[in-house]
Amino acid sequence: MKIIRNPGFLFLFFYLLGFLGDSSVDAAVKKYQFDVQMKNVSRLCNAKPIVTVNGMFPGPTVYAREGDRVIINVTNHVQYNMSIHWHGLKQYRNGWADGPAYITQCPMQTGQSYVYDFNVTGQRGTLWWHAHILWLRATVYGAIVILPQPGKPYPFPQPYQETNIILGEWWNGDVETAVNQANQLGTPPPMSDAHTINGKPGPLFPCSEKHTFVVEVEAGKTYLLRVINAALNDELFFGIAGHDMTVVEIDAVYTKPFTTKAILLGPGQTTNVLVKTDRAPNRYFMAASPFMDAPVSVDNKTVTAILQYKGVPNTVIPILPTLPKPNDTSFALDYTGKLRSLNTPNFPALVPLKVDRRLFYTIGLGINACPTCVNGTNLAASINNITFIMPKTALLKAHYFNIPGVFRTDFPDRPPKPFNYTGVPLTANLGTATGTRLSRVKFNTTIELILQDTNLLTVESHPFHLHGYNFFVVGTGVGNFDAKTDPAKFNLIDPPERNTVGVPTGGWAAIRFRADNPGVWFMHCHLEVHTMWGLKMAFVVENGNTPELSVLPPPKDYPSC
């Protein structure tokens, strides 16, 4: 595939040569150097300095094979503290390489380096990496492509070629300045000014002729698109004019294939699709637009890139796809309902059938007093009415070294008071409790967790990400979860397996996982504004009975706060 104006995507050539000095295609170790540095970038007729990795926006793609060891040395050259999360990698016993600031590590300060050293075990497919501190993932992000082991083909037709499609957001102003101002006022930060595909907003925006991502394809072939939603605050539809897409993977887990005109990804989610170039040679827009079926403002503009058949001149005006409307709840529910694990002998769906511990977490917004805020209050978010307070010491370090006073392990399994969670909007008693409270879990416990949206201020869809694990989404529904009737409808055969689940607006999602990865593992809404307001918590998973089932010792260059 010829990638116009984007030589960084000619990855297979470099991969086969041996990336960054590896001399063998099957080398067990992949090494990368990530230099976090400022770079002046122009979009939408505005130029500004942004934080990048290696001066690239988006940053470099990390390539590995299942079974490889990956060593990434990150050096921080900017004025902000920095940490990077390898989103979806399980980091077995190795939370030191997970990346969320003040959860598993203290961030790298200016001038510091840290080596993320991890193994890719039992995973293959599309994941991604991003900054995990402040709002720096607005520009600090990139793809992770894990190829299958040699001799293990994809469980779908081998594509002719493949490329990455990373959906993001762009602000004309400085993001950190805007967020700080919003926090001082106690109000939401401003919406983004555009969405982007591979860092480019496309020709529907001003000054974007050269800021358009173009893929040139040959007729009569099958291409694999690795689609990643790296946006901070928007769930996004994605589609290609005139072309169907066949979904074959979500969150680096193979799925039962099905064909669709559009796909839906929450922030943090990835989806691999096959596209057949079987249409009349032309230029076709690939486009993404937001999904929001609640009374919440979003950046409601459409970003475009171009799928261009070989030999078609650049002067031809591309055809626009018809994407679902922003509030098309029925499409969203229908689409997510089609997602199923492959569940074959080679790729089984190991759903926990026996549940050791049942958790029920309510997700809500709130308002707390803020004497320093202009309005005297600020917006908060909570799980089981607890707004999470970030510690000053990394939780994993405090857990490993038994440092007292950093966190408590009394996070409640249920909300303090049951109520009609999705009834009429609740606008009274919106205060939340605050604290650094974690849930302690015995090793190898099987967990069933119900995530219940609430109508505190407003209902809203929430993409929830669990670090350190995949989980099975055994059920979703609209309204209040009914413990008597809803479990009978659970899919325990081939439910989708993922690392980030969209909790439906005014509804619930039920997930199951086995807590077989010891350490401290963050769980949070992947809408950055909600994470900032405290919609997060963490599990402390105890060690198993042997050293091989226990957290590894921290690396020598582990950053200190």
Protein backbone atom coordinates (compact mmCIF):
# COMPACT_ATOMS: atom_id res chain seq x y z
CA MET A 1 0.00 0.00 0.00
CA LYS A 2 1.41 3.36 -0.96
CA ILE A 3 0.91 5.84 1.85
CA ILE A 4 0.92 9.35 0.42
CA ARG A 5 2.75 11.99 2.46
CA ASN A 6 3.25 9.58 5.34
CA PRO A 7 6.43 7.53 5.01
CA GLY A 8 6.24 6.55 8.68
CA PHE A 9 3.66 3.91 7.78
CA LEU A 10 5.96 1.92 5.52
CA PHE A 11 6.55 -0.25 8.53
CA LEU A 12 6.91 -3.72 7.12
CA PHE A 13 10.02 -2.72 5.20
CA PHE A 14 11.70 -1.55 8.36
CA TYR A 15 10.30 -4.41 10.41
CA LEU A 16 11.65 -7.02 8.04
CA LEU A 17 15.03 -5.31 7.98
CA GLY A 18 15.01 -5.60 11.74
CA PHE A 19 13.65 -2.55 13.54
CA LEU A 20 16.17 -0.36 15.31
CA GLY A 21 19.09 -2.62 14.77
CA ASP A 22 17.57 -6.05 15.32
CA SER A 23 19.33 -8.38 12.91
CA SER A 24 16.67 -11.10 12.73
CA VAL A 25 13.03 -10.98 11.76
CA ASP A 26 12.28 -13.34 14.65
CA ALA A 27 14.47 -11.50 17.16
CA ALA A 28 13.14 -11.96 20.67
CA VAL A 29 14.00 -8.40 21.73
CA LYS A 30 12.64 -5.20 20.19
CA LYS A 31 14.32 -1.98 21.34
CA TYR A 32 13.00 1.56 20.99
CA GLN A 33 14.15 5.00 22.04
CA PHE A 34 11.33 7.44 22.86
CA ASP A 35 12.47 11.06 23.23
CA VAL A 36 9.65 13.18 24.62
CA GLN A 37 10.20 16.60 23.10
CA MET A 38 8.38 19.75 22.03
CA LYS A 39 7.70 20.40 18.38
CA ASN A 40 5.92 23.23 16.58
CA VAL A 41 2.94 21.85 14.67
CA SER A 42 0.41 23.68 12.52
CA ARG A 43 -3.24 22.62 12.18
CA LEU A 44 -6.41 24.57 11.28
CA CYS A 45 -4.38 27.68 10.41
CA ASN A 46 -2.88 27.67 13.94
CA ALA A 47 0.68 26.84 14.94
CA LYS A 48 1.64 25.84 18.47
CA PRO A 49 4.27 23.78 20.29
CA ILE A 50 3.02 20.32 21.26
CA VAL A 51 4.52 17.45 23.26
CA THR A 52 5.61 14.62 20.95
CA VAL A 53 7.63 11.43 20.94
CA ASN A 54 10.61 11.65 18.57
CA GLY A 55 9.06 14.77 17.03
CA MET A 56 6.22 12.69 15.53
CA PHE A 57 2.47 13.30 15.78
CA PRO A 58 1.12 10.67 16.25
CA GLY A 59 4.19 9.04 17.73
CA PRO A 60 6.08 6.01 16.38
CA THR A 61 4.38 2.64 16.05
CA VAL A 62 5.73 -0.10 18.32
CA TYR A 63 6.06 -3.38 16.40
CA ALA A 64 6.56 -6.75 18.05
CA ARG A 65 5.58 -10.37 17.69
CA GLU A 66 3.67 -12.40 20.21
CA GLY A 67 6.33 -13.76 22.58
CA ASP A 68 8.79 -10.89 22.09
CA ARG A 69 10.44 -8.87 24.80
CA VAL A 70 10.05 -5.11 24.26
CA ILE A 71 12.47 -2.58 25.76
CA ILE A 72 11.54 1.10 25.38
CA ASN A 73 13.80 3.74 26.86
CA VAL A 74 11.79 6.93 27.42
CA THR A 75 13.67 10.19 28.02
CA ASN A 76 11.72 13.27 29.09
CA HIS A 77 12.97 16.52 27.52
CA VAL A 78 9.86 18.65 28.22
CA GLN A 79 8.73 20.82 31.13
CA TYR A 80 5.94 18.44 32.12
CA ASN A 81 6.25 15.27 34.16
CA MET A 82 5.71 12.24 31.91
CA SER A 83 4.63 8.62 32.07
CA ILE A 84 3.52 6.32 29.25
CA HIS A 85 0.94 3.52 29.40
CA TRP A 86 1.01 0.54 27.03
CA HIS A 87 -2.75 0.29 26.74
CA GLY A 88 -4.06 -3.29 26.72
CA LEU A 89 -0.76 -5.05 27.42
CA LYS A 90 -1.32 -7.23 30.46
CA GLN A 91 2.13 -6.69 32.03
CA TYR A 92 1.97 -9.99 33.91
CA ARG A 93 3.48 -9.53 37.43
CA ASN A 94 5.13 -6.42 35.98
CA GLY A 95 3.01 -3.40 36.89
CA TRP A 96 6.27 -1.42 37.04
CA ALA A 97 6.00 -1.17 33.23
CA ASP A 98 2.28 -0.30 33.10
CA GLY A 99 2.74 3.46 33.22
CA PRO A 100 -0.16 5.33 34.89
CA ALA A 101 1.39 8.14 36.95
CA TYR A 102 1.09 7.77 40.73
CA ILE A 103 -0.63 4.38 40.32
CA THR A 104 2.22 2.10 39.21
CA GLN A 105 5.04 4.63 38.97
CA CYS A 106 6.09 8.14 39.77
CA PRO A 107 6.38 10.13 36.56
CA MET A 108 9.65 10.96 34.85
CA GLN A 109 10.62 14.50 35.66
CA THR A 110 12.35 16.79 33.18
CA GLY A 111 15.67 15.28 32.10
CA GLN A 112 14.91 11.82 33.51
CA SER A 113 14.73 8.50 31.66
CA TYR A 114 12.94 5.26 32.44
CA VAL A 115 13.11 1.92 30.66
CA TYR A 116 9.80 0.14 30.10
CA ASP A 117 10.81 -3.52 29.84
CA PHE A 118 8.01 -6.02 29.25
CA ASN A 119 7.11 -9.29 27.54
CA VAL A 120 4.29 -9.71 25.03
CA THR A 121 2.73 -12.96 26.21
CA GLY A 122 -0.41 -14.56 24.79
CA GLN A 123 -1.47 -11.41 22.92
CA ARG A 124 -1.47 -10.44 19.27
CA GLY A 125 -3.28 -7.68 17.37
CA THR A 126 -3.72 -3.91 17.68
CA LEU A 127 -3.16 -2.00 20.90
CA TRP A 128 -1.79 1.48 21.52
CA TRP A 129 0.33 3.58 23.86
CA HIS A 130 -0.28 7.02 25.33
CA ALA A 131 0.83 9.46 27.99
CA HIS A 132 -0.89 8.69 31.30
CA ILE A 133 -0.55 11.96 33.17
CA LEU A 134 -2.42 15.28 32.94
CA TRP A 135 -4.04 15.64 29.47
CA LEU A 136 -0.78 14.99 27.64
CA ARG A 137 -2.24 12.09 25.67
CA ALA A 138 -3.86 14.79 23.52
CA THR A 139 -0.68 14.56 21.41
CA VAL A 140 1.44 11.81 23.00
CA TYR A 141 0.12 8.55 21.56
CA GLY A 142 0.82 5.89 18.95
CA ALA A 143 -0.07 2.40 17.79
CA ILE A 144 1.17 -0.97 19.05
CA VAL A 145 1.08 -3.71 16.41
CA ILE A 146 1.67 -7.23 17.71
CA LEU A 147 2.14 -9.66 14.83
CA PRO A 148 1.33 -13.37 15.31
CA GLN A 149 4.15 -15.81 15.87
CA PRO A 150 5.77 -17.10 12.66
CA GLY A 151 3.67 -19.82 11.05
CA LYS A 152 0.49 -18.76 12.85
CA PRO A 153 -1.69 -17.02 10.26
CA TYR A 154 -4.58 -14.69 10.98
CA PRO A 155 -7.88 -16.59 11.44
CA PHE A 156 -9.30 -14.59 8.53
CA PRO A 157 -8.23 -14.03 4.90
CA GLN A 158 -4.64 -12.80 4.72
CA PRO A 159 -4.79 -9.09 3.78
CA TYR A 160 -2.83 -7.77 0.84
CA GLN A 161 -1.52 -4.94 3.03
CA GLU A 162 -2.46 -3.16 6.24
CA THR A 163 -2.30 0.28 7.78
CA ASN A 164 -3.07 2.10 11.03
CA ILE A 165 -5.95 4.55 11.42
CA ILE A 166 -5.56 6.49 14.68
CA LEU A 167 -8.49 8.73 15.59
CA GLY A 168 -7.60 11.70 17.78
CA GLU A 169 -8.53 15.22 18.80
CA TRP A 170 -6.96 18.63 18.22
CA TRP A 171 -7.17 21.82 20.25
CA ASN A 172 -6.03 25.13 18.75
CA GLY A 173 -5.04 26.40 22.19
CA ASP A 174 -2.68 24.91 24.74
CA VAL A 175 -4.51 21.96 26.29
CA GLU A 176 -2.85 22.06 29.71
CA THR A 177 -3.51 25.80 30.07
CA ALA A 178 -7.18 25.31 29.18
CA VAL A 179 -7.54 22.41 31.64
CA ASN A 180 -5.90 24.37 34.46
CA GLN A 181 -8.20 27.34 33.84
CA ALA A 182 -11.25 25.07 33.85
CA ASN A 183 -10.18 23.50 37.14
CA GLN A 184 -9.79 26.94 38.71
CA LEU A 185 -13.29 27.86 37.54
CA GLY A 186 -14.76 24.49 38.50
CA THR A 187 -16.15 24.00 34.98
CA PRO A 188 -15.55 21.51 32.13
CA PRO A 189 -12.56 22.23 29.86
CA PRO A 190 -13.31 23.39 26.31
CA MET A 191 -14.17 20.89 23.57
CA SER A 192 -11.58 20.08 20.94
CA ASP A 193 -11.56 22.14 17.72
CA ALA A 194 -11.29 19.11 15.43
CA HIS A 195 -10.93 15.39 15.31
CA THR A 196 -7.96 13.91 13.48
CA ILE A 197 -7.03 10.77 11.54
CA ASN A 198 -3.33 10.03 12.01
CA GLY A 199 -2.90 13.57 13.32
CA LYS A 200 -4.63 15.23 10.34
CA PRO A 201 -8.11 16.81 10.32
CA GLY A 202 -8.75 16.42 6.59
CA PRO A 203 -9.94 18.75 3.83
CA LEU A 204 -13.27 19.74 5.40
CA PHE A 205 -11.27 21.95 7.78
CA PRO A 206 -9.44 25.19 6.93
CA CYS A 207 -5.74 25.06 6.01
CA SER A 208 -5.91 21.26 5.85
CA GLU A 209 -5.14 20.45 2.21
CA LYS A 210 -1.71 19.22 3.22
CA HIS A 211 -3.06 17.91 6.52
CA THR A 212 -5.05 15.07 4.99
CA PHE A 213 -4.19 11.40 5.42
CA VAL A 214 -4.37 9.52 2.11
CA VAL A 215 -4.14 5.78 1.49
CA GLU A 216 -3.59 4.62 -2.08
CA VAL A 217 -5.00 1.16 -2.79
CA GLU A 218 -5.13 -1.26 -5.70
CA ALA A 219 -8.47 -2.51 -6.99
CA GLY A 220 -9.49 -6.07 -6.22
CA LYS A 221 -7.47 -6.48 -3.01
CA THR A 222 -8.25 -6.93 0.69
CA TYR A 223 -6.76 -4.48 3.17
CA LEU A 224 -6.57 -4.63 6.96
CA LEU A 225 -7.22 -1.35 8.78
CA ARG A 226 -6.12 -1.18 12.42
CA VAL A 227 -8.44 1.48 13.86
CA ILE A 228 -7.62 3.07 17.23
CA ASN A 229 -9.66 5.65 19.12
CA ALA A 230 -7.06 7.85 20.79
CA ALA A 231 -9.51 10.73 21.35
CA LEU A 232 -9.68 12.07 24.89
CA ASN A 233 -13.39 12.60 25.32
CA ASP A 234 -15.40 11.33 22.34
CA GLU A 235 -16.78 7.98 21.27
CA LEU A 236 -16.49 7.88 17.49
CA PHE A 237 -18.18 6.27 14.52
CA PHE A 238 -15.90 5.38 11.60
CA GLY A 239 -16.85 4.42 8.05
CA ILE A 240 -15.67 4.45 4.43
CA ALA A 241 -17.83 5.78 1.60
CA GLY A 242 -19.10 2.99 -0.66
CA HIS A 243 -17.28 0.21 1.21
CA ASP A 244 -18.36 -2.33 3.80
CA MET A 245 -16.02 -3.31 6.63
CA THR A 246 -15.66 -6.76 8.16
CA VAL A 247 -14.83 -6.63 11.88
CA VAL A 248 -12.26 -9.32 12.76
CA GLU A 249 -10.69 -8.11 16.02
CA ILE A 250 -11.37 -5.80 18.98
CA ASP A 251 -8.84 -4.79 21.64
CA ALA A 252 -6.33 -7.32 20.24
CA VAL A 253 -8.75 -10.26 20.49
CA TYR A 254 -10.07 -12.04 17.39
CA THR A 255 -13.83 -11.90 16.87
CA LYS A 256 -16.44 -13.74 14.85
CA PRO A 257 -16.40 -11.74 11.59
CA PHE A 258 -19.38 -9.63 10.64
CA THR A 259 -19.90 -6.93 8.03
CA THR A 260 -20.99 -3.38 8.81
CA LYS A 261 -21.20 0.07 7.22
CA ALA A 262 -19.76 1.75 10.33
CA ILE A 263 -17.93 0.80 13.51
CA LEU A 264 -18.08 2.44 16.94
CA LEU A 265 -15.09 2.88 19.23
CA GLY A 266 -14.93 4.45 22.67
CA PRO A 267 -11.71 6.19 23.71
CA GLY A 268 -9.14 3.46 24.34
CA GLN A 269 -10.75 0.84 22.12
CA THR A 270 -9.25 -0.67 18.96
CA THR A 271 -10.96 -2.47 16.07
CA ASN A 272 -9.42 -4.30 13.11
CA VAL A 273 -11.49 -4.41 9.93
CA LEU A 274 -11.02 -5.96 6.50
CA VAL A 275 -11.90 -3.77 3.51
CA LYS A 276 -12.26 -5.12 -0.03
CA THR A 277 -11.38 -2.63 -2.77
CA ASP A 278 -14.14 -3.89 -5.04
CA ARG A 279 -15.79 -0.58 -5.93
CA ALA A 280 -15.38 1.57 -9.03
CA PRO A 281 -11.95 3.22 -8.96
CA ASN A 282 -12.44 6.61 -7.33
CA ARG A 283 -11.51 8.66 -4.26
CA TYR A 284 -13.55 7.78 -1.18
CA PHE A 285 -13.63 9.58 2.14
CA MET A 286 -12.92 7.65 5.30
CA ALA A 287 -14.63 9.60 8.07
CA ALA A 288 -15.17 9.67 11.83
CA SER A 289 -17.79 11.58 13.80
CA PRO A 290 -18.87 11.49 17.46
CA PHE A 291 -21.53 9.39 19.15
CA MET A 292 -23.24 11.14 22.06
CA ASP A 293 -26.79 10.21 23.07
CA ALA A 294 -26.92 12.34 26.22
CA PRO A 295 -27.36 16.11 26.71
CA VAL A 296 -23.60 16.69 26.82
CA SER A 297 -21.67 18.91 24.41
CA VAL A 298 -19.09 17.26 22.15
CA ASP A 299 -16.92 18.29 19.24
CA ASN A 300 -19.51 17.50 16.58
CA LYS A 301 -17.33 17.91 13.50
CA THR A 302 -16.43 15.19 10.98
CA VAL A 303 -12.80 14.30 10.31
CA THR A 304 -11.94 12.79 6.94
CA ALA A 305 -9.11 10.91 5.26
CA ILE A 306 -9.04 9.57 1.70
CA LEU A 307 -9.04 6.04 0.32
CA GLN A 308 -7.72 6.57 -3.21
CA TYR A 309 -7.70 3.91 -5.92
CA LYS A 310 -4.47 3.75 -7.88
CA GLY A 311 -4.54 5.81 -11.08
CA VAL A 312 -7.32 8.16 -9.95
CA PRO A 313 -6.13 11.79 -10.13
CA ASN A 314 -6.00 13.94 -6.98
CA THR A 315 -8.37 16.43 -8.59
CA VAL A 316 -11.35 14.06 -8.23
CA ILE A 317 -13.57 15.16 -5.31
CA PRO A 318 -13.98 12.25 -2.84
CA ILE A 319 -17.36 10.70 -2.00
CA LEU A 320 -18.56 11.17 1.61
CA PRO A 321 -19.86 8.22 3.64
CA THR A 322 -23.14 8.33 5.53
CA LEU A 323 -22.30 7.80 9.19
CA PRO A 324 -24.88 7.21 11.93
CA LYS A 325 -26.33 10.35 13.51
CA PRO A 326 -24.59 11.50 16.72
CA ASN A 327 -27.47 10.26 18.89
CA ASP A 328 -28.12 6.97 17.06
CA THR A 329 -28.44 4.80 20.17
CA SER A 330 -30.08 1.93 18.29
CA PHE A 331 -27.13 1.62 15.89
CA ALA A 332 -24.68 1.70 18.82
CA LEU A 333 -26.51 -1.00 20.76
CA ASP A 334 -27.03 -3.13 17.67
CA TYR A 335 -23.35 -2.85 16.69
CA THR A 336 -21.96 -3.73 20.11
CA GLY A 337 -24.45 -6.60 20.34
CA LYS A 338 -22.84 -8.22 17.28
CA LEU A 339 -19.39 -8.41 18.88
CA ARG A 340 -18.53 -12.01 19.80
CA SER A 341 -15.29 -13.77 20.70
CA LEU A 342 -14.01 -16.19 18.06
CA ASN A 343 -14.05 -19.02 20.65
CA THR A 344 -12.25 -21.70 18.62
CA PRO A 345 -9.84 -24.40 19.87
CA ASN A 346 -6.91 -22.12 18.97
CA PHE A 347 -8.54 -18.99 20.41
CA PRO A 348 -10.89 -20.09 23.19
CA ALA A 349 -13.08 -17.76 25.24
CA LEU A 350 -12.17 -18.75 28.80
CA VAL A 351 -15.14 -17.11 30.50
CA PRO A 352 -15.21 -17.63 34.28
CA LEU A 353 -18.36 -19.67 34.88
CA LYS A 354 -18.09 -19.74 38.68
CA VAL A 355 -18.02 -16.32 40.36
CA ASP A 356 -16.16 -15.90 43.66
CA ARG A 357 -16.99 -12.24 44.22
CA ARG A 358 -19.71 -9.98 42.87
CA LEU A 359 -19.16 -6.23 42.68
CA PHE A 360 -21.67 -3.51 41.85
CA TYR A 361 -20.21 -0.10 40.97
CA THR A 362 -22.32 2.97 40.28
CA ILE A 363 -20.87 5.65 38.00
CA GLY A 364 -21.93 9.21 38.63
CA LEU A 365 -21.22 12.90 38.43
CA GLY A 366 -21.37 15.22 41.41
CA ILE A 367 -20.67 18.69 42.75
CA ASN A 368 -18.35 19.39 45.67
CA ALA A 369 -17.49 22.58 47.50
CA CYS A 370 -14.41 24.36 46.17
CA PRO A 371 -13.59 27.56 48.07
CA THR A 372 -10.88 28.49 45.56
CA CYS A 373 -13.15 27.97 42.51
CA VAL A 374 -14.89 30.97 40.98
CA ASN A 375 -18.32 29.43 41.50
CA GLY A 376 -17.53 28.04 44.95
CA THR A 377 -18.03 24.51 43.63
CA ASN A 378 -16.42 22.16 41.15
CA LEU A 379 -17.65 19.19 39.20
CA ALA A 380 -16.70 15.76 40.50
CA ALA A 381 -17.17 12.19 39.35
CA SER A 382 -17.33 9.08 41.47
CA ILE A 383 -17.62 5.30 41.65
CA ASN A 384 -19.91 4.15 44.47
CA ASN A 385 -19.99 7.83 45.49
CA ILE A 386 -16.21 7.94 46.06
CA THR A 387 -14.18 10.51 44.14
CA PHE A 388 -10.68 9.10 43.84
CA ILE A 389 -7.84 11.28 45.11
CA MET A 390 -4.48 10.71 43.44
CA PRO A 391 -1.70 9.90 45.94
CA LYS A 392 1.73 11.53 46.10
CA THR A 393 3.47 8.11 46.11
CA ALA A 394 2.91 5.43 43.49
CA LEU A 395 0.37 2.92 44.81
CA LEU A 396 2.27 -0.11 43.47
CA LYS A 397 5.41 1.02 45.31
CA ALA A 398 3.43 1.57 48.52
CA HIS A 399 1.88 -1.89 48.15
CA TYR A 400 5.15 -3.68 47.34
CA PHE A 401 7.14 -2.04 50.14
CA ASN A 402 4.25 -1.90 52.66
CA ILE A 403 4.45 1.88 52.97
CA PRO A 404 1.66 2.94 55.36
CA GLY A 405 -0.69 5.86 54.96
CA VAL A 406 -0.72 6.02 51.14
CA PHE A 407 -4.02 4.22 50.53
CA ARG A 408 -6.80 2.30 52.23
CA THR A 409 -8.21 -1.04 51.03
CA ASP A 410 -11.83 -0.45 51.99
CA PHE A 411 -13.31 0.46 48.61
CA PRO A 412 -16.95 -0.70 48.92
CA ASP A 413 -18.28 -3.57 46.81
CA ARG A 414 -21.61 -1.74 46.49
CA PRO A 415 -22.88 1.85 46.58
CA PRO A 416 -23.60 3.22 50.06
CA LYS A 417 -27.30 3.66 49.31
CA PRO A 418 -29.39 2.00 46.57
CA PHE A 419 -31.62 4.33 44.57
CA ASN A 420 -33.35 4.51 41.19
CA TYR A 421 -30.05 4.85 39.33
CA THR A 422 -31.40 5.79 35.89
CA GLY A 423 -34.66 7.47 36.82
CA VAL A 424 -35.34 11.20 36.59
CA PRO A 425 -32.18 13.36 36.84
CA LEU A 426 -31.03 13.78 40.43
CA THR A 427 -29.88 17.30 41.21
CA ALA A 428 -29.89 17.23 45.02
CA ASN A 429 -27.38 15.69 47.42
CA LEU A 430 -24.67 15.66 44.75
CA GLY A 431 -21.73 15.73 47.14
CA THR A 432 -19.28 12.84 46.99
CA ALA A 433 -16.92 11.21 49.46
CA THR A 434 -13.23 11.55 48.59
CA GLY A 435 -10.26 9.32 49.25
CA THR A 436 -7.55 7.02 47.94
CA ARG A 437 -9.44 3.81 48.52
CA LEU A 438 -8.62 0.53 46.76
CA SER A 439 -10.33 -2.85 46.57
CA ARG A 440 -8.23 -5.76 47.85
CA VAL A 441 -8.61 -8.99 45.87
CA LYS A 442 -7.20 -12.42 46.66
CA PHE A 443 -5.10 -13.98 43.92
CA ASN A 444 -7.03 -16.00 41.33
CA THR A 445 -10.42 -14.74 42.50
CA THR A 446 -13.04 -14.71 39.76
CA ILE A 447 -14.79 -11.34 39.70
CA GLU A 448 -18.14 -10.31 38.27
CA LEU A 449 -18.45 -6.54 38.13
CA ILE A 450 -21.62 -4.64 37.21
CA LEU A 451 -20.88 -1.09 36.04
CA GLN A 452 -24.09 0.91 36.43
CA ASP A 453 -24.51 4.36 34.90
CA THR A 454 -26.57 6.83 36.95
CA ASN A 455 -28.61 9.95 36.26
CA LEU A 456 -26.74 12.12 38.73
CA LEU A 457 -26.87 15.43 36.81
CA THR A 458 -27.15 13.40 33.59
CA VAL A 459 -26.79 9.91 32.20
CA GLU A 460 -23.82 9.40 29.89
CA SER A 461 -21.94 6.61 28.15
CA HIS A 462 -18.66 5.73 29.87
CA PRO A 463 -15.79 3.74 28.30
CA PHE A 464 -14.22 1.90 31.25
CA HIS A 465 -10.65 0.59 30.99
CA LEU A 466 -9.12 -1.98 33.32
CA HIS A 467 -5.32 -2.12 33.43
CA GLY A 468 -3.51 -5.45 33.71
CA TYR A 469 -6.37 -7.59 32.39
CA ASN A 470 -8.72 -8.43 29.61
CA PHE A 471 -12.28 -9.15 30.69
CA PHE A 472 -15.39 -10.67 29.14
CA VAL A 473 -18.41 -8.44 28.58
CA VAL A 474 -21.05 -11.00 29.49
CA GLY A 475 -23.99 -8.61 29.37
CA THR A 476 -25.18 -5.04 28.80
CA GLY A 477 -28.55 -3.39 29.12
CA VAL A 478 -30.45 -0.13 29.33
CA GLY A 479 -31.95 1.04 32.62
CA ASN A 480 -31.19 -0.40 36.05
CA PHE A 481 -29.46 -3.76 36.33
CA ASP A 482 -31.85 -6.38 37.73
CA ALA A 483 -29.93 -9.00 39.71
CA LYS A 484 -32.90 -11.38 39.52
CA THR A 485 -33.59 -11.39 35.78
CA ASP A 486 -30.60 -9.98 33.89
CA PRO A 487 -27.99 -12.69 34.70
CA ALA A 488 -30.18 -15.25 32.91
CA LYS A 489 -29.49 -13.35 29.67
CA PHE A 490 -25.70 -13.31 30.10
CA ASN A 491 -23.60 -14.69 27.24
CA LEU A 492 -21.19 -17.17 28.86
CA ILE A 493 -20.28 -18.92 25.59
CA ASP A 494 -18.62 -16.37 23.30
CA PRO A 495 -18.88 -12.89 24.87
CA PRO A 496 -16.53 -10.20 23.55
CA GLU A 497 -13.19 -10.08 25.34
CA ARG A 498 -11.66 -6.63 25.68
CA ASN A 499 -9.78 -4.19 27.91
CA THR A 500 -12.17 -1.22 27.55
CA VAL A 501 -15.97 -1.49 27.69
CA GLY A 502 -18.58 1.11 26.81
CA VAL A 503 -21.17 1.36 29.58
CA PRO A 504 -24.36 2.37 27.74
CA THR A 505 -25.95 5.74 28.48
CA GLY A 506 -28.44 5.17 31.27
CA GLY A 507 -27.55 1.49 31.35
CA TRP A 508 -25.12 -1.12 32.64
CA ALA A 509 -22.38 -3.50 31.59
CA ALA A 510 -21.44 -6.77 33.27
CA ILE A 511 -17.84 -7.99 33.02
CA ARG A 512 -16.03 -11.04 34.34
CA PHE A 513 -12.33 -11.69 34.81
CA ARG A 514 -9.96 -13.85 36.83
CA ALA A 515 -7.64 -11.86 39.11
CA ASP A 516 -4.51 -13.87 38.25
CA ASN A 517 -2.15 -10.91 37.73
CA PRO A 518 -0.77 -9.68 41.07
CA GLY A 519 -0.15 -5.97 41.64
CA VAL A 520 -2.04 -2.69 41.70
CA TRP A 521 -4.27 -2.20 38.66
CA PHE A 522 -6.03 1.01 37.74
CA MET A 523 -9.64 1.06 36.52
CA HIS A 524 -11.06 4.30 35.19
CA CYS A 525 -13.34 5.97 32.71
CA HIS A 526 -11.31 6.69 29.56
CA LEU A 527 -13.04 10.03 29.04
CA GLU A 528 -10.19 12.23 30.22
CA VAL A 529 -12.50 14.85 31.70
CA HIS A 530 -14.14 12.19 33.91
CA THR A 531 -10.82 10.68 34.96
CA MET A 532 -9.67 14.15 35.97
CA TRP A 533 -12.81 14.58 38.07
CA GLY A 534 -12.14 11.34 39.96
CA LEU A 535 -14.00 8.60 38.04
CA LYS A 536 -11.38 6.00 38.87
CA MET A 537 -10.27 3.38 41.40
CA ALA A 538 -7.75 0.56 41.63
CA PHE A 539 -7.60 -3.09 42.60
CA VAL A 540 -4.84 -4.50 44.80
CA VAL A 541 -4.46 -8.09 43.66
CA GLU A 542 -2.50 -10.09 46.22
CA ASN A 543 0.41 -12.39 45.35
CA GLY A 544 -0.13 -16.07 44.75
CA ASN A 545 1.46 -18.80 46.86
CA THR A 546 4.79 -18.99 45.01
CA PRO A 547 7.40 -16.49 43.78
CA GLU A 548 6.31 -17.27 40.21
CA LEU A 549 2.84 -15.93 41.11
CA SER A 550 4.10 -12.78 42.82
CA VAL A 551 4.94 -9.24 41.73
CA LEU A 552 8.43 -8.95 40.28
CA PRO A 553 10.92 -6.64 42.03
CA PRO A 554 11.01 -3.04 40.73
CA PRO A 555 13.68 -2.14 38.14
CA LYS A 556 16.77 -0.25 39.25
CA ASP A 557 15.83 2.92 37.34
CA TYR A 558 12.30 3.07 38.79
CA PRO A 559 11.40 6.78 39.11
CA SER A 560 10.90 8.34 42.52
CA CYS A 561 8.45 11.10 43.36
